[in-house]
Amino acid sequence: MPAFGVLTMELHIEHARSLKGKRHVVKSLKDRLAHRHNIAIAEIDYQDVWQSALVAAVTVSASRQLAEQVLNAVERDAAAELGGMLISAGIEWLV
């Protein structure tokens, strides 16, 4: 049975002074994580808020264990890159 996992990450980009500044941070993060982990990733909320973003990364795998490893690696890389900008993260499973 395939496993569908969704990692949501809430970001607070304190140094962003415009939507353009925020989008630069979000796009860079999305591009690097998608390339490094072969995932689908998108900004899913707060698109019109300067300093906040909600990003979701999705993976599909033959096993839940493998999907969980991928999403945990994505979260670790995001935390390493963002530092204190990563407010929260959580994984949900779609059946």
PDB file of N, CA and C in Angstrom:
ATOM      1  N   MET A   1       0.846  -1.182   0.000  1.00  0.00           N
ATOM      2  CA  MET A   1       0.000   0.000   0.000  1.00  0.00           C
ATOM      3  C   MET A   1       0.889   1.243   0.000  1.00  0.00           C
ATOM      4  N   PRO A   2       0.707   2.151  -0.933  1.00  0.00           N
ATOM      5  CA  PRO A   2       1.527   3.365  -0.965  1.00  0.00           C
ATOM      6  C   PRO A   2       1.241   4.276   0.231  1.00  0.00           C
ATOM      7  N   ALA A   3       2.242   5.045   0.590  1.00  0.00           N
ATOM      8  CA  ALA A   3       2.123   6.006   1.692  1.00  0.00           C
ATOM      9  C   ALA A   3       2.228   7.411   1.116  1.00  0.00           C
ATOM     10  N   PHE A   4       1.305   8.284   1.523  1.00  0.00           N
ATOM     11  CA  PHE A   4       1.275   9.686   1.109  1.00  0.00           C
ATOM     12  C   PHE A   4       1.495  10.535   2.352  1.00  0.00           C
ATOM     13  N   GLY A   5       2.627  11.228   2.400  1.00  0.00           N
ATOM     14  CA  GLY A   5       2.951  12.052   3.565  1.00  0.00           C
ATOM     15  C   GLY A   5       3.033  13.519   3.206  1.00  0.00           C
ATOM     16  N   VAL A   6       2.535  14.346   4.128  1.00  0.00           N
ATOM     17  CA  VAL A   6       2.573  15.797   3.945  1.00  0.00           C
ATOM     18  C   VAL A   6       3.261  16.416   5.158  1.00  0.00           C
ATOM     19  N   LEU A   7       4.327  17.153   4.887  1.00  0.00           N
ATOM     20  CA  LEU A   7       5.037  17.897   5.933  1.00  0.00           C
ATOM     21  C   LEU A   7       4.654  19.364   5.785  1.00  0.00           C
ATOM     22  N   THR A   8       4.071  19.942   6.824  1.00  0.00           N
ATOM     23  CA  THR A   8       3.768  21.375   6.796  1.00  0.00           C
ATOM     24  C   THR A   8       4.746  22.090   7.718  1.00  0.00           C
ATOM     25  N   MET A   9       5.228  23.227   7.236  1.00  0.00           N
ATOM     26  CA  MET A   9       6.196  24.016   8.002  1.00  0.00           C
ATOM     27  C   MET A   9       5.734  25.465   8.026  1.00  0.00           C
ATOM     28  N   GLU A  10       5.648  26.011   9.235  1.00  0.00           N
ATOM     29  CA  GLU A  10       5.287  27.418   9.390  1.00  0.00           C
ATOM     30  C   GLU A  10       6.566  28.222   9.579  1.00  0.00           C
ATOM     31  N   LEU A  11       6.694  29.290   8.798  1.00  0.00           N
ATOM     32  CA  LEU A  11       7.884  30.120   8.837  1.00  0.00           C
ATOM     33  C   LEU A  11       7.549  31.530   9.292  1.00  0.00           C
ATOM     34  N   HIS A  12       8.474  32.135  10.017  1.00  0.00           N
ATOM     35  CA  HIS A  12       8.390  33.559  10.352  1.00  0.00           C
ATOM     36  C   HIS A  12       9.682  34.190   9.847  1.00  0.00           C
ATOM     37  N   ILE A  13       9.570  35.012   8.814  1.00  0.00           N
ATOM     38  CA  ILE A  13      10.723  35.610   8.153  1.00  0.00           C
ATOM     39  C   ILE A  13      10.834  37.054   8.616  1.00  0.00           C
ATOM     40  N   GLU A  14      11.426  37.235   9.777  1.00  0.00           N
ATOM     41  CA  GLU A  14      11.462  38.530  10.450  1.00  0.00           C
ATOM     42  C   GLU A  14      12.128  39.622   9.618  1.00  0.00           C
ATOM     43  N   HIS A  15      13.171  39.278   8.880  1.00  0.00           N
ATOM     44  CA  HIS A  15      13.908  40.296   8.121  1.00  0.00           C
ATOM     45  C   HIS A  15      13.215  40.687   6.810  1.00  0.00           C
ATOM     46  N   ALA A  16      12.132  40.022   6.435  1.00  0.00           N
ATOM     47  CA  ALA A  16      11.418  40.384   5.199  1.00  0.00           C
ATOM     48  C   ALA A  16      10.722  41.730   5.388  1.00  0.00           C
ATOM     49  N   ARG A  17      10.967  42.643   4.494  1.00  0.00           N
ATOM     50  CA  ARG A  17      10.358  43.970   4.565  1.00  0.00           C
ATOM     51  C   ARG A  17       9.348  44.198   3.444  1.00  0.00           C
ATOM     52  N   SER A  18       9.148  43.152   2.624  1.00  0.00           N
ATOM     53  CA  SER A  18       8.174  43.229   1.534  1.00  0.00           C
ATOM     54  C   SER A  18       7.819  41.806   1.122  1.00  0.00           C
ATOM     55  N   LEU A  19       6.764  41.683   0.309  1.00  0.00           N
ATOM     56  CA  LEU A  19       6.411  40.376  -0.217  1.00  0.00           C
ATOM     57  C   LEU A  19       7.530  39.833  -1.101  1.00  0.00           C
ATOM     58  N   LYS A  20       8.203  40.719  -1.811  1.00  0.00           N
ATOM     59  CA  LYS A  20       9.302  40.303  -2.670  1.00  0.00           C
ATOM     60  C   LYS A  20      10.427  39.672  -1.845  1.00  0.00           C
ATOM     61  N   GLY A  21      10.758  40.278  -0.714  1.00  0.00           N
ATOM     62  CA  GLY A  21      11.785  39.737   0.165  1.00  0.00           C
ATOM     63  C   GLY A  21      11.395  38.385   0.733  1.00  0.00           C
ATOM     64  N   LYS A  22      10.150  38.270   1.140  1.00  0.00           N
ATOM     65  CA  LYS A  22       9.650  37.005   1.668  1.00  0.00           C
ATOM     66  C   LYS A  22       9.667  35.935   0.594  1.00  0.00           C
ATOM     67  N   ARG A  23       9.196  36.260  -0.583  1.00  0.00           N
ATOM     68  CA  ARG A  23       9.122  35.270  -1.663  1.00  0.00           C
ATOM     69  C   ARG A  23      10.504  34.788  -2.085  1.00  0.00           C
ATOM     70  N   HIS A  24      11.494  35.651  -1.973  1.00  0.00           N
ATOM     71  CA  HIS A  24      12.868  35.236  -2.276  1.00  0.00           C
ATOM     72  C   HIS A  24      13.300  34.109  -1.331  1.00  0.00           C
ATOM     73  N   VAL A  25      13.031  34.273  -0.045  1.00  0.00           N
ATOM     74  CA  VAL A  25      13.383  33.255   0.948  1.00  0.00           C
ATOM     75  C   VAL A  25      12.610  31.970   0.689  1.00  0.00           C
ATOM     76  N   VAL A  26      11.297  32.094   0.472  1.00  0.00           N
ATOM     77  CA  VAL A  26      10.446  30.920   0.285  1.00  0.00           C
ATOM     78  C   VAL A  26      10.810  30.179  -0.999  1.00  0.00           C
ATOM     79  N   LYS A  27      11.004  30.904  -2.084  1.00  0.00           N
ATOM     80  CA  LYS A  27      11.341  30.262  -3.361  1.00  0.00           C
ATOM     81  C   LYS A  27      12.682  29.555  -3.281  1.00  0.00           C
ATOM     82  N   SER A  28      13.670  30.184  -2.662  1.00  0.00           N
ATOM     83  CA  SER A  28      14.986  29.557  -2.504  1.00  0.00           C
ATOM     84  C   SER A  28      14.873  28.253  -1.709  1.00  0.00           C
ATOM     85  N   LEU A  29      14.111  28.303  -0.625  1.00  0.00           N
ATOM     86  CA  LEU A  29      13.911  27.108   0.198  1.00  0.00           C
ATOM     87  C   LEU A  29      13.221  26.014  -0.611  1.00  0.00           C
ATOM     88  N   LYS A  30      12.147  26.368  -1.282  1.00  0.00           N
ATOM     89  CA  LYS A  30      11.399  25.384  -2.072  1.00  0.00           C
ATOM     90  C   LYS A  30      12.273  24.750  -3.144  1.00  0.00           C
ATOM     91  N   ASP A  31      13.014  25.554  -3.869  1.00  0.00           N
ATOM     92  CA  ASP A  31      13.861  25.042  -4.951  1.00  0.00           C
ATOM     93  C   ASP A  31      14.918  24.078  -4.427  1.00  0.00           C
ATOM     94  N   ARG A  32      15.580  24.449  -3.350  1.00  0.00           N
ATOM     95  CA  ARG A  32      16.646  23.595  -2.798  1.00  0.00           C
ATOM     96  C   ARG A  32      16.087  22.279  -2.255  1.00  0.00           C
ATOM     97  N   LEU A  33      15.004  22.356  -1.508  1.00  0.00           N
ATOM     98  CA  LEU A  33      14.439  21.135  -0.926  1.00  0.00           C
ATOM     99  C   LEU A  33      13.876  20.205  -1.998  1.00  0.00           C
ATOM    100  N   ALA A  34      13.200  20.762  -2.989  1.00  0.00           N
ATOM    101  CA  ALA A  34      12.637  19.938  -4.065  1.00  0.00           C
ATOM    102  C   ALA A  34      13.747  19.232  -4.831  1.00  0.00           C
ATOM    103  N   HIS A  35      14.812  19.951  -5.121  1.00  0.00           N
ATOM    104  CA  HIS A  35      15.925  19.367  -5.870  1.00  0.00           C
ATOM    105  C   HIS A  35      16.649  18.300  -5.046  1.00  0.00           C
ATOM    106  N   ARG A  36      16.884  18.593  -3.783  1.00  0.00           N
ATOM    107  CA  ARG A  36      17.656  17.701  -2.920  1.00  0.00           C
ATOM    108  C   ARG A  36      16.904  16.428  -2.553  1.00  0.00           C
ATOM    109  N   HIS A  37      15.568  16.512  -2.403  1.00  0.00           N
ATOM    110  CA  HIS A  37      14.794  15.387  -1.867  1.00  0.00           C
ATOM    111  C   HIS A  37      13.757  14.815  -2.834  1.00  0.00           C
ATOM    112  N   ASN A  38      13.649  15.354  -4.026  1.00  0.00           N
ATOM    113  CA  ASN A  38      12.687  14.865  -5.012  1.00  0.00           C
ATOM    114  C   ASN A  38      11.262  14.848  -4.440  1.00  0.00           C
ATOM    115  N   ILE A  39      10.829  15.998  -3.958  1.00  0.00           N
ATOM    116  CA  ILE A  39       9.494  16.153  -3.370  1.00  0.00           C
ATOM    117  C   ILE A  39       8.740  17.239  -4.126  1.00  0.00           C
ATOM    118  N   ALA A  40       7.440  17.267  -3.917  1.00  0.00           N
ATOM    119  CA  ALA A  40       6.636  18.398  -4.376  1.00  0.00           C
ATOM    120  C   ALA A  40       6.488  19.336  -3.184  1.00  0.00           C
ATOM    121  N   ILE A  41       6.622  20.638  -3.423  1.00  0.00           N
ATOM    122  CA  ILE A  41       6.571  21.599  -2.316  1.00  0.00           C
ATOM    123  C   ILE A  41       5.926  22.895  -2.797  1.00  0.00           C
ATOM    124  N   ALA A  42       5.089  23.485  -1.946  1.00  0.00           N
ATOM    125  CA  ALA A  42       4.381  24.715  -2.317  1.00  0.00           C
ATOM    126  C   ALA A  42       4.088  25.549  -1.082  1.00  0.00           C
ATOM    127  N   GLU A  43       3.979  26.858  -1.292  1.00  0.00           N
ATOM    128  CA  GLU A  43       3.500  27.754  -0.243  1.00  0.00           C
ATOM    129  C   GLU A  43       1.983  27.649  -0.263  1.00  0.00           C
ATOM    130  N   ILE A  44       1.382  27.292   0.879  1.00  0.00           N
ATOM    131  CA  ILE A  44      -0.052  27.009   0.889  1.00  0.00           C
ATOM    132  C   ILE A  44      -0.896  28.013   1.669  1.00  0.00           C
ATOM    133  N   ASP A  45      -0.245  28.937   2.381  1.00  0.00           N
ATOM    134  CA  ASP A  45      -1.023  29.945   3.115  1.00  0.00           C
ATOM    135  C   ASP A  45      -0.136  31.154   3.408  1.00  0.00           C
ATOM    136  N   TYR A  46      -0.774  32.245   3.782  1.00  0.00           N
ATOM    137  CA  TYR A  46      -0.122  33.519   4.119  1.00  0.00           C
ATOM    138  C   TYR A  46       0.597  34.144   2.924  1.00  0.00           C
ATOM    139  N   GLN A  47       0.126  33.889   1.722  1.00  0.00           N
ATOM    140  CA  GLN A  47       0.799  34.419   0.534  1.00  0.00           C
ATOM    141  C   GLN A  47       0.892  35.935   0.522  1.00  0.00           C
ATOM    142  N   ASP A  48      -0.042  36.631   1.155  1.00  0.00           N
ATOM    143  CA  ASP A  48      -0.054  38.087   1.138  1.00  0.00           C
ATOM    144  C   ASP A  48       0.431  38.710   2.447  1.00  0.00           C
ATOM    145  N   VAL A  49       1.103  37.915   3.274  1.00  0.00           N
ATOM    146  CA  VAL A  49       1.643  38.404   4.546  1.00  0.00           C
ATOM    147  C   VAL A  49       3.164  38.458   4.418  1.00  0.00           C
ATOM    148  N   TRP A  50       3.747  39.590   4.729  1.00  0.00           N
ATOM    149  CA  TRP A  50       5.183  39.820   4.524  1.00  0.00           C
ATOM    150  C   TRP A  50       6.093  38.851   5.253  1.00  0.00           C
ATOM    151  N   GLN A  51       5.791  38.572   6.509  1.00  0.00           N
ATOM    152  CA  GLN A  51       6.755  37.849   7.331  1.00  0.00           C
ATOM    153  C   GLN A  51       6.336  36.435   7.706  1.00  0.00           C
ATOM    154  N   SER A  52       5.258  35.928   7.145  1.00  0.00           N
ATOM    155  CA  SER A  52       4.793  34.579   7.471  1.00  0.00           C
ATOM    156  C   SER A  52       4.610  33.760   6.212  1.00  0.00           C
ATOM    157  N   ALA A  53       4.838  32.460   6.353  1.00  0.00           N
ATOM    158  CA  ALA A  53       4.600  31.544   5.244  1.00  0.00           C
ATOM    159  C   ALA A  53       4.247  30.175   5.814  1.00  0.00           C
ATOM    160  N   LEU A  54       3.379  29.476   5.122  1.00  0.00           N
ATOM    161  CA  LEU A  54       3.073  28.089   5.441  1.00  0.00           C
ATOM    162  C   LEU A  54       3.403  27.292   4.190  1.00  0.00           C
ATOM    163  N   VAL A  55       4.332  26.367   4.336  1.00  0.00           N
ATOM    164  CA  VAL A  55       4.850  25.594   3.198  1.00  0.00           C
ATOM    165  C   VAL A  55       4.523  24.126   3.439  1.00  0.00           C
ATOM    166  N   ALA A  56       4.119  23.421   2.382  1.00  0.00           N
ATOM    167  CA  ALA A  56       3.838  21.990   2.477  1.00  0.00           C
ATOM    168  C   ALA A  56       4.712  21.228   1.489  1.00  0.00           C
ATOM    169  N   ALA A  57       5.323  20.157   1.976  1.00  0.00           N
ATOM    170  CA  ALA A  57       6.114  19.254   1.148  1.00  0.00           C
ATOM    171  C   ALA A  57       5.409  17.902   1.137  1.00  0.00           C
ATOM    172  N   VAL A  58       5.328  17.297  -0.040  1.00  0.00           N
ATOM    173  CA  VAL A  58       4.584  16.051  -0.198  1.00  0.00           C
ATOM    174  C   VAL A  58       5.477  14.991  -0.827  1.00  0.00           C
ATOM    175  N   THR A  59       5.355  13.769  -0.314  1.00  0.00           N
ATOM    176  CA  THR A  59       6.053  12.639  -0.927  1.00  0.00           C
ATOM    177  C   THR A  59       5.120  11.437  -0.973  1.00  0.00           C
ATOM    178  N   VAL A  60       5.366  10.589  -1.940  1.00  0.00           N
ATOM    179  CA  VAL A  60       4.641   9.329  -2.092  1.00  0.00           C
ATOM    180  C   VAL A  60       5.685   8.231  -2.166  1.00  0.00           C
ATOM    181  N   SER A  61       5.448   7.150  -1.434  1.00  0.00           N
ATOM    182  CA  SER A  61       6.422   6.063  -1.404  1.00  0.00           C
ATOM    183  C   SER A  61       5.699   4.728  -1.286  1.00  0.00           C
ATOM    184  N   ALA A  62       6.428   3.669  -1.559  1.00  0.00           N
ATOM    185  CA  ALA A  62       5.875   2.319  -1.434  1.00  0.00           C
ATOM    186  C   ALA A  62       5.651   1.952   0.034  1.00  0.00           C
ATOM    187  N   SER A  63       6.401   2.594   0.941  1.00  0.00           N
ATOM    188  CA  SER A  63       6.231   2.293   2.363  1.00  0.00           C
ATOM    189  C   SER A  63       6.188   3.576   3.176  1.00  0.00           C
ATOM    190  N   ARG A  64       5.482   3.513   4.272  1.00  0.00           N
ATOM    191  CA  ARG A  64       5.391   4.673   5.161  1.00  0.00           C
ATOM    192  C   ARG A  64       6.749   4.985   5.783  1.00  0.00           C
ATOM    193  N   GLN A  65       7.511   3.951   6.081  1.00  0.00           N
ATOM    194  CA  GLN A  65       8.837   4.141   6.682  1.00  0.00           C
ATOM    195  C   GLN A  65       9.737   4.960   5.764  1.00  0.00           C
ATOM    196  N   LEU A  66       9.748   4.640   4.491  1.00  0.00           N
ATOM    197  CA  LEU A  66      10.582   5.376   3.547  1.00  0.00           C
ATOM    198  C   LEU A  66      10.091   6.819   3.383  1.00  0.00           C
ATOM    199  N   ALA A  67       8.780   6.992   3.288  1.00  0.00           N
ATOM    200  CA  ALA A  67       8.218   8.339   3.170  1.00  0.00           C
ATOM    201  C   ALA A  67       8.545   9.174   4.406  1.00  0.00           C
ATOM    202  N   GLU A  68       8.479   8.551   5.573  1.00  0.00           N
ATOM    203  CA  GLU A  68       8.791   9.264   6.819  1.00  0.00           C
ATOM    204  C   GLU A  68      10.258   9.679   6.859  1.00  0.00           C
ATOM    205  N   GLN A  69      11.156   8.822   6.375  1.00  0.00           N
ATOM    206  CA  GLN A  69      12.569   9.161   6.318  1.00  0.00           C
ATOM    207  C   GLN A  69      12.798  10.380   5.424  1.00  0.00           C
ATOM    208  N   VAL A  70      12.123  10.408   4.278  1.00  0.00           N
ATOM    209  CA  VAL A  70      12.264  11.536   3.354  1.00  0.00           C
ATOM    210  C   VAL A  70      11.772  12.825   4.007  1.00  0.00           C
ATOM    211  N   LEU A  71      10.582  12.785   4.602  1.00  0.00           N
ATOM    212  CA  LEU A  71      10.020  14.006   5.192  1.00  0.00           C
ATOM    213  C   LEU A  71      10.821  14.469   6.406  1.00  0.00           C
ATOM    214  N   ASN A  72      11.341  13.540   7.186  1.00  0.00           N
ATOM    215  CA  ASN A  72      12.200  13.931   8.312  1.00  0.00           C
ATOM    216  C   ASN A  72      13.480  14.592   7.816  1.00  0.00           C
ATOM    217  N   ALA A  73      14.031  14.083   6.723  1.00  0.00           N
ATOM    218  CA  ALA A  73      15.237  14.695   6.140  1.00  0.00           C
ATOM    219  C   ALA A  73      14.931  16.090   5.609  1.00  0.00           C
ATOM    220  N   VAL A  74      13.756  16.262   5.003  1.00  0.00           N
ATOM    221  CA  VAL A  74      13.346  17.586   4.515  1.00  0.00           C
ATOM    222  C   VAL A  74      13.244  18.558   5.688  1.00  0.00           C
ATOM    223  N   GLU A  75      12.619  18.120   6.779  1.00  0.00           N
ATOM    224  CA  GLU A  75      12.485  18.992   7.949  1.00  0.00           C
ATOM    225  C   GLU A  75      13.847  19.351   8.536  1.00  0.00           C
ATOM    226  N   ARG A  76      14.755  18.388   8.632  1.00  0.00           N
ATOM    227  CA  ARG A  76      16.106  18.660   9.154  1.00  0.00           C
ATOM    228  C   ARG A  76      16.839  19.679   8.286  1.00  0.00           C
ATOM    229  N   ASP A  77      16.763  19.493   6.954  1.00  0.00           N
ATOM    230  CA  ASP A  77      17.435  20.429   6.053  1.00  0.00           C
ATOM    231  C   ASP A  77      16.820  21.825   6.147  1.00  0.00           C
ATOM    232  N   ALA A  78      15.493  21.886   6.225  1.00  0.00           N
ATOM    233  CA  ALA A  78      14.822  23.185   6.347  1.00  0.00           C
ATOM    234  C   ALA A  78      15.223  23.866   7.657  1.00  0.00           C
ATOM    235  N   ALA A  79      15.265  23.105   8.747  1.00  0.00           N
ATOM    236  CA  ALA A  79      15.644  23.675  10.048  1.00  0.00           C
ATOM    237  C   ALA A  79      17.084  24.170  10.023  1.00  0.00           C
ATOM    238  N   ALA A  80      17.961  23.416   9.376  1.00  0.00           N
ATOM    239  CA  ALA A  80      19.363  23.826   9.285  1.00  0.00           C
ATOM    240  C   ALA A  80      19.511  25.100   8.459  1.00  0.00           C
ATOM    241  N   GLU A  81      18.724  25.201   7.421  1.00  0.00           N
ATOM    242  CA  GLU A  81      18.809  26.365   6.542  1.00  0.00           C
ATOM    243  C   GLU A  81      18.118  27.594   7.138  1.00  0.00           C
ATOM    244  N   LEU A  82      16.980  27.385   7.776  1.00  0.00           N
ATOM    245  CA  LEU A  82      16.168  28.505   8.259  1.00  0.00           C
ATOM    246  C   LEU A  82      16.498  28.938   9.676  1.00  0.00           C
ATOM    247  N   GLY A  83      17.023  28.040  10.480  1.00  0.00           N
ATOM    248  CA  GLY A  83      17.283  28.366  11.880  1.00  0.00           C
ATOM    249  C   GLY A  83      15.993  28.727  12.597  1.00  0.00           C
ATOM    250  N   GLY A  84      15.996  29.866  13.273  1.00  0.00           N
ATOM    251  CA  GLY A  84      14.840  30.308  14.045  1.00  0.00           C
ATOM    252  C   GLY A  84      13.637  30.732  13.225  1.00  0.00           C
ATOM    253  N   MET A  85      13.787  30.802  11.910  1.00  0.00           N
ATOM    254  CA  MET A  85      12.632  31.163  11.072  1.00  0.00           C
ATOM    255  C   MET A  85      11.612  30.034  10.990  1.00  0.00           C
ATOM    256  N   LEU A  86      12.028  28.788  11.283  1.00  0.00           N
ATOM    257  CA  LEU A  86      11.107  27.652  11.266  1.00  0.00           C
ATOM    258  C   LEU A  86      10.390  27.601  12.609  1.00  0.00           C
ATOM    259  N   ILE A  87       9.125  28.005  12.601  1.00  0.00           N
ATOM    260  CA  ILE A  87       8.334  28.090  13.835  1.00  0.00           C
ATOM    261  C   ILE A  87       7.823  26.719  14.265  1.00  0.00           C
ATOM    262  N   SER A  88       7.263  25.965  13.315  1.00  0.00           N
ATOM    263  CA  SER A  88       6.716  24.645  13.637  1.00  0.00           C
ATOM    264  C   SER A  88       6.702  23.789  12.378  1.00  0.00           C
ATOM    265  N   ALA A  89       6.644  22.489  12.610  1.00  0.00           N
ATOM    266  CA  ALA A  89       6.571  21.528  11.507  1.00  0.00           C
ATOM    267  C   ALA A  89       5.821  20.304  11.985  1.00  0.00           C
ATOM    268  N   GLY A  90       5.092  19.680  11.083  1.00  0.00           N
ATOM    269  CA  GLY A  90       4.359  18.470  11.429  1.00  0.00           C
ATOM    270  C   GLY A  90       4.067  17.642  10.200  1.00  0.00           C
ATOM    271  N   ILE A  91       3.985  16.334  10.395  1.00  0.00           N
ATOM    272  CA  ILE A  91       3.712  15.397   9.306  1.00  0.00           C
ATOM    273  C   ILE A  91       2.304  14.844   9.470  1.00  0.00           C
ATOM    274  N   GLU A  92       1.594  14.787   8.345  1.00  0.00           N
ATOM    275  CA  GLU A  92       0.270  14.163   8.302  1.00  0.00           C
ATOM    276  C   GLU A  92       0.320  13.065   7.255  1.00  0.00           C
ATOM    277  N   TRP A  93      -0.485  12.031   7.474  1.00  0.00           N
ATOM    278  CA  TRP A  93      -0.540  10.900   6.533  1.00  0.00           C
ATOM    279  C   TRP A  93      -1.915  10.840   5.889  1.00  0.00           C
ATOM    280  N   LEU A  94      -1.910  10.701   4.587  1.00  0.00           N
ATOM    281  CA  LEU A  94      -3.159  10.601   3.833  1.00  0.00           C
ATOM    282  C   LEU A  94      -3.396   9.140   3.513  1.00  0.00           C
ATOM    283  N   VAL A  95      -4.593   8.695   3.779  1.00  0.00           N
ATOM    284  CA  VAL A  95      -4.911   7.275   3.554  1.00  0.00           C
ATOM    285  C   VAL A  95      -5.647   7.126   2.243  1.00  0.00           C
TER     286      VAL A  95
END
